[in-house]
Amino acid sequence: MGVPGPLSRGRVAAALAVAIAADAFSFVIGPFGITFADEVVDLAVMGIETWLLGFHVLFLPTFLLEVLPIADALPSWTACAIAVVAIRQRQARK
């Protein structure tokens, strides 16, 4: 699965909004210990980010990092989305 065409501002904004919302959800729900809901959201986010930005190998370790109890409070989806967007934009300039 390659990049789904050029990354428009709309795709980038949507990917960042989804990532920020997922990280906020993980941060809020984390103290309640509802683990299955968090993993379902993380799996959905990985699919949505792949659909918006195209598959990138960085999505896999981010998903695995989100499974860890303490690490899921970090804004890892947001950082991953920013990194993938930067990589895709650099690739498009070549």
C-alpha atoms as a PDB file:
ATOM      1  CA  MET A   1       0.000   0.000   0.000  1.00  0.00           C
ATOM      2  CA  GLY A   2       1.597   3.231  -1.101  1.00  0.00           C
ATOM      3  CA  VAL A   3       0.929   6.853  -0.438  1.00  0.00           C
ATOM      4  CA  PRO A   4      -2.695   7.700  -1.324  1.00  0.00           C
ATOM      5  CA  GLY A   5      -1.751  10.494  -3.688  1.00  0.00           C
ATOM      6  CA  PRO A   6      -0.326  13.863  -2.732  1.00  0.00           C
ATOM      7  CA  LEU A   7      -0.788  14.920   0.863  1.00  0.00           C
ATOM      8  CA  SER A   8      -3.232  17.767   0.790  1.00  0.00           C
ATOM      9  CA  ARG A   9      -3.651  20.175   3.668  1.00  0.00           C
ATOM     10  CA  GLY A  10      -6.974  18.514   4.385  1.00  0.00           C
ATOM     11  CA  ARG A  11      -5.420  15.049   4.689  1.00  0.00           C
ATOM     12  CA  VAL A  12      -2.651  16.358   6.924  1.00  0.00           C
ATOM     13  CA  ALA A  13      -5.100  18.296   9.111  1.00  0.00           C
ATOM     14  CA  ALA A  14      -7.395  15.280   9.405  1.00  0.00           C
ATOM     15  CA  ALA A  15      -4.497  12.966  10.283  1.00  0.00           C
ATOM     16  CA  LEU A  16      -3.246  15.353  12.961  1.00  0.00           C
ATOM     17  CA  ALA A  17      -6.759  15.848  14.363  1.00  0.00           C
ATOM     18  CA  VAL A  18      -7.279  12.075  14.622  1.00  0.00           C
ATOM     19  CA  ALA A  19      -3.877  11.610  16.261  1.00  0.00           C
ATOM     20  CA  ILE A  20      -4.449  14.392  18.793  1.00  0.00           C
ATOM     21  CA  ALA A  21      -7.921  13.089  19.621  1.00  0.00           C
ATOM     22  CA  ALA A  22      -6.576   9.556  20.126  1.00  0.00           C
ATOM     23  CA  ASP A  23      -3.772  10.763  22.385  1.00  0.00           C
ATOM     24  CA  ALA A  24      -6.218  12.867  24.409  1.00  0.00           C
ATOM     25  CA  PHE A  25      -8.541   9.863  24.726  1.00  0.00           C
ATOM     26  CA  SER A  26      -5.667   7.647  25.904  1.00  0.00           C
ATOM     27  CA  PHE A  27      -4.580  10.253  28.439  1.00  0.00           C
ATOM     28  CA  VAL A  28      -8.094  10.677  29.832  1.00  0.00           C
ATOM     29  CA  ILE A  29      -9.087   7.011  29.892  1.00  0.00           C
ATOM     30  CA  GLY A  30      -5.698   5.739  31.105  1.00  0.00           C
ATOM     31  CA  PRO A  31      -6.280   6.200  34.853  1.00  0.00           C
ATOM     32  CA  PHE A  32      -9.531   4.228  34.659  1.00  0.00           C
ATOM     33  CA  GLY A  33      -7.740   1.093  33.441  1.00  0.00           C
ATOM     34  CA  ILE A  34     -10.145   0.387  30.579  1.00  0.00           C
ATOM     35  CA  THR A  35      -7.548  -1.299  28.408  1.00  0.00           C
ATOM     36  CA  PHE A  36      -9.617  -2.908  25.687  1.00  0.00           C
ATOM     37  CA  ALA A  37     -11.264   0.366  24.690  1.00  0.00           C
ATOM     38  CA  ASP A  38      -7.860   1.970  24.364  1.00  0.00           C
ATOM     39  CA  GLU A  39      -6.506  -0.807  22.136  1.00  0.00           C
ATOM     40  CA  VAL A  40      -9.588  -0.698  19.915  1.00  0.00           C
ATOM     41  CA  VAL A  41      -9.133   3.053  19.499  1.00  0.00           C
ATOM     42  CA  ASP A  42      -5.418   2.591  18.758  1.00  0.00           C
ATOM     43  CA  LEU A  43      -6.172  -0.038  16.123  1.00  0.00           C
ATOM     44  CA  ALA A  44      -8.748   2.263  14.526  1.00  0.00           C
ATOM     45  CA  VAL A  45      -6.307   5.176  14.592  1.00  0.00           C
ATOM     46  CA  MET A  46      -3.639   3.098  12.887  1.00  0.00           C
ATOM     47  CA  GLY A  47      -6.129   2.228  10.146  1.00  0.00           C
ATOM     48  CA  ILE A  48      -7.323   5.817   9.721  1.00  0.00           C
ATOM     49  CA  GLU A  49      -3.778   7.193   9.666  1.00  0.00           C
ATOM     50  CA  THR A  50      -2.834   4.593   7.057  1.00  0.00           C
ATOM     51  CA  TRP A  51      -5.856   5.559   4.976  1.00  0.00           C
ATOM     52  CA  LEU A  52      -5.057   9.286   5.230  1.00  0.00           C
ATOM     53  CA  LEU A  53      -1.261   9.223   4.947  1.00  0.00           C
ATOM     54  CA  GLY A  54      -0.507   5.858   3.366  1.00  0.00           C
ATOM     55  CA  PHE A  55       1.147   2.956   5.148  1.00  0.00           C
ATOM     56  CA  HIS A  56       4.377   3.773   6.926  1.00  0.00           C
ATOM     57  CA  VAL A  57       6.419   1.435   9.071  1.00  0.00           C
ATOM     58  CA  LEU A  58       6.390   3.978  11.943  1.00  0.00           C
ATOM     59  CA  PHE A  59       2.725   3.153  12.590  1.00  0.00           C
ATOM     60  CA  LEU A  60       3.636  -0.351  13.823  1.00  0.00           C
ATOM     61  CA  PRO A  61       5.970   0.587  16.712  1.00  0.00           C
ATOM     62  CA  THR A  62       3.616   3.417  17.649  1.00  0.00           C
ATOM     63  CA  PHE A  63       0.764   0.948  17.992  1.00  0.00           C
ATOM     64  CA  LEU A  64       2.951  -1.364  20.083  1.00  0.00           C
ATOM     65  CA  LEU A  65       4.073   1.546  22.251  1.00  0.00           C
ATOM     66  CA  GLU A  66       0.447   2.463  22.910  1.00  0.00           C
ATOM     67  CA  VAL A  67      -0.162  -1.006  24.361  1.00  0.00           C
ATOM     68  CA  LEU A  68       2.311  -0.378  27.197  1.00  0.00           C
ATOM     69  CA  PRO A  69       0.586   0.863  30.359  1.00  0.00           C
ATOM     70  CA  ILE A  70       2.642   3.983  31.131  1.00  0.00           C
ATOM     71  CA  ALA A  71       3.716   4.847  27.595  1.00  0.00           C
ATOM     72  CA  ASP A  72       0.145   5.213  26.350  1.00  0.00           C
ATOM     73  CA  ALA A  73      -0.065   8.551  28.192  1.00  0.00           C
ATOM     74  CA  LEU A  74       2.543   9.998  25.818  1.00  0.00           C
ATOM     75  CA  PRO A  75       1.378  11.780  22.654  1.00  0.00           C
ATOM     76  CA  SER A  76       2.863   9.072  20.470  1.00  0.00           C
ATOM     77  CA  TRP A  77       0.184   9.118  17.735  1.00  0.00           C
ATOM     78  CA  THR A  78       0.647  12.858  17.343  1.00  0.00           C
ATOM     79  CA  ALA A  79       4.422  12.519  17.145  1.00  0.00           C
ATOM     80  CA  CYS A  80       4.097   9.653  14.675  1.00  0.00           C
ATOM     81  CA  ALA A  81       1.678  11.571  12.444  1.00  0.00           C
ATOM     82  CA  ILE A  82       3.983  14.603  12.405  1.00  0.00           C
ATOM     83  CA  ALA A  83       6.973  12.393  11.561  1.00  0.00           C
ATOM     84  CA  VAL A  84       5.160  10.572   8.755  1.00  0.00           C
ATOM     85  CA  VAL A  85       3.904  13.853   7.265  1.00  0.00           C
ATOM     86  CA  ALA A  86       7.441  15.275   7.358  1.00  0.00           C
ATOM     87  CA  ILE A  87       8.859  12.139   5.724  1.00  0.00           C
ATOM     88  CA  ARG A  88       6.167  12.106   3.031  1.00  0.00           C
ATOM     89  CA  GLN A  89       6.680  15.800   2.249  1.00  0.00           C
ATOM     90  CA  ARG A  90      10.439  15.322   2.017  1.00  0.00           C
ATOM     91  CA  GLN A  91       9.913  12.360  -0.331  1.00  0.00           C
ATOM     92  CA  ALA A  92       7.551  14.415  -2.489  1.00  0.00           C
ATOM     93  CA  ARG A  93      10.181  17.149  -2.935  1.00  0.00           C
ATOM     94  CA  LYS A  94      12.708  14.722  -4.403  1.00  0.00           C
END
